[in-house]
Structure formats: structure tokens, C-alpha cells
Amino acid sequence: CHDRAVLLYEYVGKRIVDLQHTEVPDAYRGRGIAKHLAKAALDFVVEEDLKAHLTCWYIQKYVKENPLPQYLEHLQP
């Protein structure tokens, strides 16, 4: 879809989610939407006590810029 922001993910184990890709339509870029997607995904991982594998470069960048302990302890090495 070209009119929606999306975050693609896949469960790759019983308690492991691979956060694969964020995409924001060109018309909506620069408004912090990808940042909201990244935060929501990581908050979900924490709330559900999952482990996250970060394939998405943007979510990797988000964690680097927001190295909150609750995020870091839920990352899969």
C-alpha cells in the first residue's frame, strides 16, 4: 500500500519477533511516523516479554538513539 505507514515483522520463534522493515509513504515522511512505529513495536516487545531481532535499519538506529534498558534487555544478540 502506498497510502499507509507499515512495520513488517515476523515471529521467528516462540518468543522471538523479527522487526524487519518500516515504510512511510513519501507524502508523510519527515513527520516522525517511523519513530512512532519503532517505539510502538519495541514497547510491544517489552510488554509481551518477547525478544526482538532487529533486521530493520531504522529500528536499529532508533534503539541506538534511545538505548533504554527495557529495550536493550529484550534484544536478541
PDB file of N, CA and C in Angstrom:
ATOM      1  N   CYS A   1       0.835  -1.192   0.000  1.00  0.00           N
ATOM      2  CA  CYS A   1       0.000   0.000   0.000  1.00  0.00           C
ATOM      3  C   CYS A   1       0.877   1.252   0.000  1.00  0.00           C
ATOM      4  N   HIS A   2       0.504   2.233  -0.783  1.00  0.00           N
ATOM      5  CA  HIS A   2       1.297   3.454  -0.850  1.00  0.00           C
ATOM      6  C   HIS A   2       0.707   4.583  -0.028  1.00  0.00           C
ATOM      7  N   ASP A   3      -0.395   4.309   0.664  1.00  0.00           N
ATOM      8  CA  ASP A   3      -1.009   5.368   1.455  1.00  0.00           C
ATOM      9  C   ASP A   3      -0.984   5.073   2.948  1.00  0.00           C
ATOM     10  N   ARG A   4      -0.225   4.059   3.349  1.00  0.00           N
ATOM     11  CA  ARG A   4      -0.168   3.683   4.758  1.00  0.00           C
ATOM     12  C   ARG A   4       1.280   3.484   5.197  1.00  0.00           C
ATOM     13  N   ALA A   5       1.519   3.847   6.438  1.00  0.00           N
ATOM     14  CA  ALA A   5       2.809   3.529   7.045  1.00  0.00           C
ATOM     15  C   ALA A   5       2.701   2.111   7.601  1.00  0.00           C
ATOM     16  N   VAL A   6       3.759   1.336   7.440  1.00  0.00           N
ATOM     17  CA  VAL A   6       3.730  -0.046   7.902  1.00  0.00           C
ATOM     18  C   VAL A   6       5.032  -0.413   8.604  1.00  0.00           C
ATOM     19  N   LEU A   7       4.909  -1.388   9.470  1.00  0.00           N
ATOM     20  CA  LEU A   7       6.062  -2.025  10.081  1.00  0.00           C
ATOM     21  C   LEU A   7       5.883  -3.516   9.845  1.00  0.00           C
ATOM     22  N   LEU A   8       6.805  -4.098   9.099  1.00  0.00           N
ATOM     23  CA  LEU A   8       6.736  -5.526   8.822  1.00  0.00           C
ATOM     24  C   LEU A   8       7.498  -6.276   9.898  1.00  0.00           C
ATOM     25  N   TYR A   9       6.905  -7.365  10.366  1.00  0.00           N
ATOM     26  CA  TYR A   9       7.537  -8.189  11.387  1.00  0.00           C
ATOM     27  C   TYR A   9       7.149  -9.640  11.161  1.00  0.00           C
ATOM     28  N   GLU A  10       7.888 -10.519  11.791  1.00  0.00           N
ATOM     29  CA  GLU A  10       7.595 -11.943  11.689  1.00  0.00           C
ATOM     30  C   GLU A  10       8.062 -12.621  12.968  1.00  0.00           C
ATOM     31  N   TYR A  11       7.221 -13.499  13.492  1.00  0.00           N
ATOM     32  CA  TYR A  11       7.656 -14.323  14.618  1.00  0.00           C
ATOM     33  C   TYR A  11       8.578 -15.399  14.057  1.00  0.00           C
ATOM     34  N   VAL A  12       9.784 -15.475  14.585  1.00  0.00           N
ATOM     35  CA  VAL A  12      10.777 -16.434  14.101  1.00  0.00           C
ATOM     36  C   VAL A  12      11.095 -17.489  15.151  1.00  0.00           C
ATOM     37  N   GLY A  13      10.367 -17.482  16.194  1.00  0.00           N
ATOM     38  CA  GLY A  13      10.494 -18.437  17.290  1.00  0.00           C
ATOM     39  C   GLY A  13       9.305 -18.232  18.193  1.00  0.00           C
ATOM     40  N   LYS A  14       9.229 -19.049  19.209  1.00  0.00           N
ATOM     41  CA  LYS A  14       8.076 -18.967  20.107  1.00  0.00           C
ATOM     42  C   LYS A  14       7.938 -17.585  20.753  1.00  0.00           C
ATOM     43  N   ARG A  15       9.051 -17.005  21.143  1.00  0.00           N
ATOM     44  CA  ARG A  15       9.037 -15.718  21.843  1.00  0.00           C
ATOM     45  C   ARG A  15       9.983 -14.707  21.189  1.00  0.00           C
ATOM     46  N   ILE A  16      10.265 -14.894  19.895  1.00  0.00           N
ATOM     47  CA  ILE A  16      11.198 -14.013  19.188  1.00  0.00           C
ATOM     48  C   ILE A  16      10.493 -13.402  17.983  1.00  0.00           C
ATOM     49  N   VAL A  17      10.556 -12.087  17.907  1.00  0.00           N
ATOM     50  CA  VAL A  17       9.954 -11.387  16.774  1.00  0.00           C
ATOM     51  C   VAL A  17      11.059 -10.649  16.015  1.00  0.00           C
ATOM     52  N   ASP A  18      11.035 -10.802  14.702  1.00  0.00           N
ATOM     53  CA  ASP A  18      11.994 -10.116  13.841  1.00  0.00           C
ATOM     54  C   ASP A  18      11.314  -8.854  13.310  1.00  0.00           C
ATOM     55  N   LEU A  19      11.800  -7.700  13.734  1.00  0.00           N
ATOM     56  CA  LEU A  19      11.277  -6.418  13.257  1.00  0.00           C
ATOM     57  C   LEU A  19      12.031  -6.114  11.967  1.00  0.00           C
ATOM     58  N   GLN A  20      11.355  -6.323  10.832  1.00  0.00           N
ATOM     59  CA  GLN A  20      12.030  -6.401   9.543  1.00  0.00           C
ATOM     60  C   GLN A  20      12.139  -5.099   8.760  1.00  0.00           C
ATOM     61  N   HIS A  21      11.092  -4.278   8.790  1.00  0.00           N
ATOM     62  CA  HIS A  21      11.099  -3.140   7.865  1.00  0.00           C
ATOM     63  C   HIS A  21      10.037  -2.123   8.270  1.00  0.00           C
ATOM     64  N   THR A  22      10.397  -0.853   8.208  1.00  0.00           N
ATOM     65  CA  THR A  22       9.407   0.219   8.348  1.00  0.00           C
ATOM     66  C   THR A  22       9.323   0.934   7.011  1.00  0.00           C
ATOM     67  N   GLU A  23       8.128   1.391   6.704  1.00  0.00           N
ATOM     68  CA  GLU A  23       7.947   2.133   5.456  1.00  0.00           C
ATOM     69  C   GLU A  23       6.875   3.196   5.664  1.00  0.00           C
ATOM     70  N   VAL A  24       7.214   4.409   5.262  1.00  0.00           N
ATOM     71  CA  VAL A  24       6.296   5.537   5.371  1.00  0.00           C
ATOM     72  C   VAL A  24       6.145   6.136   3.967  1.00  0.00           C
ATOM     73  N   PRO A  25       4.919   6.377   3.535  1.00  0.00           N
ATOM     74  CA  PRO A  25       4.722   6.970   2.208  1.00  0.00           C
ATOM     75  C   PRO A  25       5.470   8.298   2.082  1.00  0.00           C
ATOM     76  N   ASP A  26       5.956   8.573   0.894  1.00  0.00           N
ATOM     77  CA  ASP A  26       6.714   9.803   0.641  1.00  0.00           C
ATOM     78  C   ASP A  26       5.994  11.051   1.150  1.00  0.00           C
ATOM     79  N   ALA A  27       4.699  11.107   0.951  1.00  0.00           N
ATOM     80  CA  ALA A  27       3.923  12.290   1.334  1.00  0.00           C
ATOM     81  C   ALA A  27       3.918  12.533   2.840  1.00  0.00           C
ATOM     82  N   TYR A  28       4.255  11.513   3.633  1.00  0.00           N
ATOM     83  CA  TYR A  28       4.194  11.633   5.094  1.00  0.00           C
ATOM     84  C   TYR A  28       5.568  11.552   5.760  1.00  0.00           C
ATOM     85  N   ARG A  29       6.612  11.468   4.974  1.00  0.00           N
ATOM     86  CA  ARG A  29       7.958  11.365   5.558  1.00  0.00           C
ATOM     87  C   ARG A  29       8.345  12.668   6.237  1.00  0.00           C
ATOM     88  N   GLY A  30       9.217  12.531   7.223  1.00  0.00           N
ATOM     89  CA  GLY A  30       9.711  13.694   7.950  1.00  0.00           C
ATOM     90  C   GLY A  30       8.791  14.165   9.055  1.00  0.00           C
ATOM     91  N   ARG A  31       7.777  13.390   9.369  1.00  0.00           N
ATOM     92  CA  ARG A  31       6.821  13.771  10.417  1.00  0.00           C
ATOM     93  C   ARG A  31       6.953  12.915  11.680  1.00  0.00           C
ATOM     94  N   GLY A  32       7.959  12.052  11.733  1.00  0.00           N
ATOM     95  CA  GLY A  32       8.173  11.227  12.921  1.00  0.00           C
ATOM     96  C   GLY A  32       7.322   9.967  12.973  1.00  0.00           C
ATOM     97  N   ILE A  33       6.725   9.605  11.853  1.00  0.00           N
ATOM     98  CA  ILE A  33       5.841   8.438  11.849  1.00  0.00           C
ATOM     99  C   ILE A  33       6.637   7.150  12.045  1.00  0.00           C
ATOM    100  N   ALA A  34       7.762   7.008  11.383  1.00  0.00           N
ATOM    101  CA  ALA A  34       8.587   5.804  11.559  1.00  0.00           C
ATOM    102  C   ALA A  34       9.055   5.686  13.003  1.00  0.00           C
ATOM    103  N   LYS A  35       9.329   6.812  13.622  1.00  0.00           N
ATOM    104  CA  LYS A  35       9.740   6.821  15.026  1.00  0.00           C
ATOM    105  C   LYS A  35       8.626   6.273  15.917  1.00  0.00           C
ATOM    106  N   HIS A  36       7.391   6.659  15.627  1.00  0.00           N
ATOM    107  CA  HIS A  36       6.250   6.140  16.387  1.00  0.00           C
ATOM    108  C   HIS A  36       6.076   4.637  16.162  1.00  0.00           C
ATOM    109  N   LEU A  37       6.285   4.187  14.928  1.00  0.00           N
ATOM    110  CA  LEU A  37       6.200   2.758  14.635  1.00  0.00           C
ATOM    111  C   LEU A  37       7.264   1.980  15.411  1.00  0.00           C
ATOM    112  N   ALA A  38       8.489   2.496  15.410  1.00  0.00           N
ATOM    113  CA  ALA A  38       9.587   1.829  16.112  1.00  0.00           C
ATOM    114  C   ALA A  38       9.310   1.758  17.605  1.00  0.00           C
ATOM    115  N   LYS A  39       8.886   2.868  18.187  1.00  0.00           N
ATOM    116  CA  LYS A  39       8.589   2.891  19.621  1.00  0.00           C
ATOM    117  C   LYS A  39       7.461   1.926  19.968  1.00  0.00           C
ATOM    118  N   ALA A  40       6.405   1.934  19.187  1.00  0.00           N
ATOM    119  CA  ALA A  40       5.270   1.040  19.450  1.00  0.00           C
ATOM    120  C   ALA A  40       5.696  -0.424  19.371  1.00  0.00           C
ATOM    121  N   ALA A  41       6.514  -0.760  18.377  1.00  0.00           N
ATOM    122  CA  ALA A  41       6.975  -2.141  18.238  1.00  0.00           C
ATOM    123  C   ALA A  41       7.833  -2.560  19.427  1.00  0.00           C
ATOM    124  N   LEU A  42       8.752  -1.704  19.825  1.00  0.00           N
ATOM    125  CA  LEU A  42       9.626  -2.037  20.954  1.00  0.00           C
ATOM    126  C   LEU A  42       8.855  -2.081  22.267  1.00  0.00           C
ATOM    127  N   ASP A  43       7.916  -1.178  22.444  1.00  0.00           N
ATOM    128  CA  ASP A  43       7.077  -1.209  23.648  1.00  0.00           C
ATOM    129  C   ASP A  43       6.271  -2.505  23.700  1.00  0.00           C
ATOM    130  N   PHE A  44       5.781  -2.963  22.549  1.00  0.00           N
ATOM    131  CA  PHE A  44       5.051  -4.230  22.482  1.00  0.00           C
ATOM    132  C   PHE A  44       5.956  -5.397  22.881  1.00  0.00           C
ATOM    133  N   VAL A  45       7.175  -5.404  22.365  1.00  0.00           N
ATOM    134  CA  VAL A  45       8.133  -6.461  22.706  1.00  0.00           C
ATOM    135  C   VAL A  45       8.354  -6.499  24.213  1.00  0.00           C
ATOM    136  N   VAL A  46       8.516  -5.332  24.819  1.00  0.00           N
ATOM    137  CA  VAL A  46       8.731  -5.256  26.264  1.00  0.00           C
ATOM    138  C   VAL A  46       7.489  -5.729  27.019  1.00  0.00           C
ATOM    139  N   GLU A  47       6.323  -5.218  26.648  1.00  0.00           N
ATOM    140  CA  GLU A  47       5.077  -5.567  27.340  1.00  0.00           C
ATOM    141  C   GLU A  47       4.772  -7.056  27.267  1.00  0.00           C
ATOM    142  N   GLU A  48       5.086  -7.672  26.137  1.00  0.00           N
ATOM    143  CA  GLU A  48       4.792  -9.096  25.951  1.00  0.00           C
ATOM    144  C   GLU A  48       5.956  -9.997  26.371  1.00  0.00           C
ATOM    145  N   ASP A  49       7.028  -9.386  26.885  1.00  0.00           N
ATOM    146  CA  ASP A  49       8.235 -10.086  27.322  1.00  0.00           C
ATOM    147  C   ASP A  49       8.786 -10.989  26.222  1.00  0.00           C
ATOM    148  N   LEU A  50       8.942 -10.404  25.048  1.00  0.00           N
ATOM    149  CA  LEU A  50       9.493 -11.106  23.894  1.00  0.00           C
ATOM    150  C   LEU A  50      10.953 -10.720  23.712  1.00  0.00           C
ATOM    151  N   LYS A  51      11.619 -11.387  22.799  1.00  0.00           N
ATOM    152  CA  LYS A  51      12.946 -10.980  22.335  1.00  0.00           C
ATOM    153  C   LYS A  51      12.772 -10.442  20.928  1.00  0.00           C
ATOM    154  N   ALA A  52      13.551  -9.431  20.588  1.00  0.00           N
ATOM    155  CA  ALA A  52      13.455  -8.820  19.263  1.00  0.00           C
ATOM    156  C   ALA A  52      14.763  -8.975  18.510  1.00  0.00           C
ATOM    157  N   HIS A  53      14.639  -9.381  17.274  1.00  0.00           N
ATOM    158  CA  HIS A  53      15.753  -9.359  16.331  1.00  0.00           C
ATOM    159  C   HIS A  53      15.485  -8.158  15.425  1.00  0.00           C
ATOM    160  N   LEU A  54      16.463  -7.282  15.288  1.00  0.00           N
ATOM    161  CA  LEU A  54      16.261  -6.044  14.537  1.00  0.00           C
ATOM    162  C   LEU A  54      16.894  -6.126  13.154  1.00  0.00           C
ATOM    163  N   THR A  55      16.109  -6.514  12.180  1.00  0.00           N
ATOM    164  CA  THR A  55      16.564  -6.515  10.800  1.00  0.00           C
ATOM    165  C   THR A  55      16.450  -5.116  10.210  1.00  0.00           C
ATOM    166  N   CYS A  56      15.451  -4.371  10.629  1.00  0.00           N
ATOM    167  CA  CYS A  56      15.181  -3.036  10.104  1.00  0.00           C
ATOM    168  C   CYS A  56      16.267  -2.049  10.539  1.00  0.00           C
ATOM    169  N   TRP A  57      16.906  -1.403   9.561  1.00  0.00           N
ATOM    170  CA  TRP A  57      17.963  -0.439   9.888  1.00  0.00           C
ATOM    171  C   TRP A  57      17.407   0.731  10.686  1.00  0.00           C
ATOM    172  N   TYR A  58      16.176   1.134  10.412  1.00  0.00           N
ATOM    173  CA  TYR A  58      15.637   2.292  11.114  1.00  0.00           C
ATOM    174  C   TYR A  58      15.400   1.968  12.593  1.00  0.00           C
ATOM    175  N   ILE A  59      14.911   0.786  12.879  1.00  0.00           N
ATOM    176  CA  ILE A  59      14.690   0.415  14.286  1.00  0.00           C
ATOM    177  C   ILE A  59      16.035   0.239  14.991  1.00  0.00           C
ATOM    178  N   GLN A  60      17.043  -0.256  14.290  1.00  0.00           N
ATOM    179  CA  GLN A  60      18.396  -0.320  14.856  1.00  0.00           C
ATOM    180  C   GLN A  60      18.855   1.085  15.249  1.00  0.00           C
ATOM    181  N   LYS A  61      18.636   2.039  14.360  1.00  0.00           N
ATOM    182  CA  LYS A  61      19.008   3.436  14.608  1.00  0.00           C
ATOM    183  C   LYS A  61      18.214   4.004  15.795  1.00  0.00           C
ATOM    184  N   TYR A  62      16.922   3.678  15.847  1.00  0.00           N
ATOM    185  CA  TYR A  62      16.073   4.171  16.935  1.00  0.00           C
ATOM    186  C   TYR A  62      16.598   3.680  18.287  1.00  0.00           C
ATOM    187  N   VAL A  63      16.959   2.407  18.366  1.00  0.00           N
ATOM    188  CA  VAL A  63      17.467   1.849  19.625  1.00  0.00           C
ATOM    189  C   VAL A  63      18.797   2.503  19.988  1.00  0.00           C
ATOM    190  N   LYS A  64      19.630   2.744  18.979  1.00  0.00           N
ATOM    191  CA  LYS A  64      20.923   3.395  19.236  1.00  0.00           C
ATOM    192  C   LYS A  64      20.720   4.803  19.806  1.00  0.00           C
ATOM    193  N   GLU A  65      19.703   5.496  19.306  1.00  0.00           N
ATOM    194  CA  GLU A  65      19.412   6.849  19.770  1.00  0.00           C
ATOM    195  C   GLU A  65      18.593   6.864  21.059  1.00  0.00           C
ATOM    196  N   ASN A  66      17.944   5.754  21.381  1.00  0.00           N
ATOM    197  CA  ASN A  66      17.102   5.630  22.576  1.00  0.00           C
ATOM    198  C   ASN A  66      17.450   4.330  23.291  1.00  0.00           C
ATOM    199  N   PRO A  67      18.665   4.240  23.852  1.00  0.00           N
ATOM    200  CA  PRO A  67      19.124   2.971  24.445  1.00  0.00           C
ATOM    201  C   PRO A  67      18.519   2.708  25.831  1.00  0.00           C
ATOM    202  N   LEU A  68      17.205   2.651  25.877  1.00  0.00           N
ATOM    203  CA  LEU A  68      16.530   2.418  27.149  1.00  0.00           C
ATOM    204  C   LEU A  68      16.794   0.992  27.622  1.00  0.00           C
ATOM    205  N   PRO A  69      17.051   0.821  28.915  1.00  0.00           N
ATOM    206  CA  PRO A  69      17.367  -0.520  29.434  1.00  0.00           C
ATOM    207  C   PRO A  69      16.295  -1.559  29.091  1.00  0.00           C
ATOM    208  N   GLN A  70      15.030  -1.164  29.146  1.00  0.00           N
ATOM    209  CA  GLN A  70      13.965  -2.124  28.848  1.00  0.00           C
ATOM    210  C   GLN A  70      14.011  -2.591  27.389  1.00  0.00           C
ATOM    211  N   TYR A  71      14.498  -1.747  26.484  1.00  0.00           N
ATOM    212  CA  TYR A  71      14.659  -2.159  25.091  1.00  0.00           C
ATOM    213  C   TYR A  71      15.869  -3.075  24.956  1.00  0.00           C
ATOM    214  N   LEU A  72      16.988  -2.637  25.512  1.00  0.00           N
ATOM    215  CA  LEU A  72      18.242  -3.377  25.364  1.00  0.00           C
ATOM    216  C   LEU A  72      18.161  -4.789  25.922  1.00  0.00           C
ATOM    217  N   GLU A  73      17.446  -4.961  27.020  1.00  0.00           N
ATOM    218  CA  GLU A  73      17.362  -6.312  27.608  1.00  0.00           C
ATOM    219  C   GLU A  73      16.453  -7.246  26.834  1.00  0.00           C
ATOM    220  N   HIS A  74      15.698  -6.706  25.892  1.00  0.00           N
ATOM    221  CA  HIS A  74      14.813  -7.541  25.079  1.00  0.00           C
ATOM    222  C   HIS A  74      15.329  -7.762  23.654  1.00  0.00           C
ATOM    223  N   LEU A  75      16.566  -7.337  23.405  1.00  0.00           N
ATOM    224  CA  LEU A  75      17.143  -7.555  22.080  1.00  0.00           C
ATOM    225  C   LEU A  75      17.814  -8.911  22.038  1.00  0.00           C
ATOM    226  N   GLN A  76      17.632  -9.582  20.932  1.00  0.00           N
ATOM    227  CA  GLN A  76      18.306 -10.851  20.731  1.00  0.00           C
ATOM    228  C   GLN A  76      19.713 -10.546  20.233  1.00  0.00           C
ATOM    229  N   PRO A  77      20.705 -11.165  20.847  1.00  0.00           N
ATOM    230  CA  PRO A  77      22.102 -10.908  20.420  1.00  0.00           C
ATOM    231  C   PRO A  77      22.356 -11.323  18.988  1.00  0.00           C
TER     232      PRO A  77
END
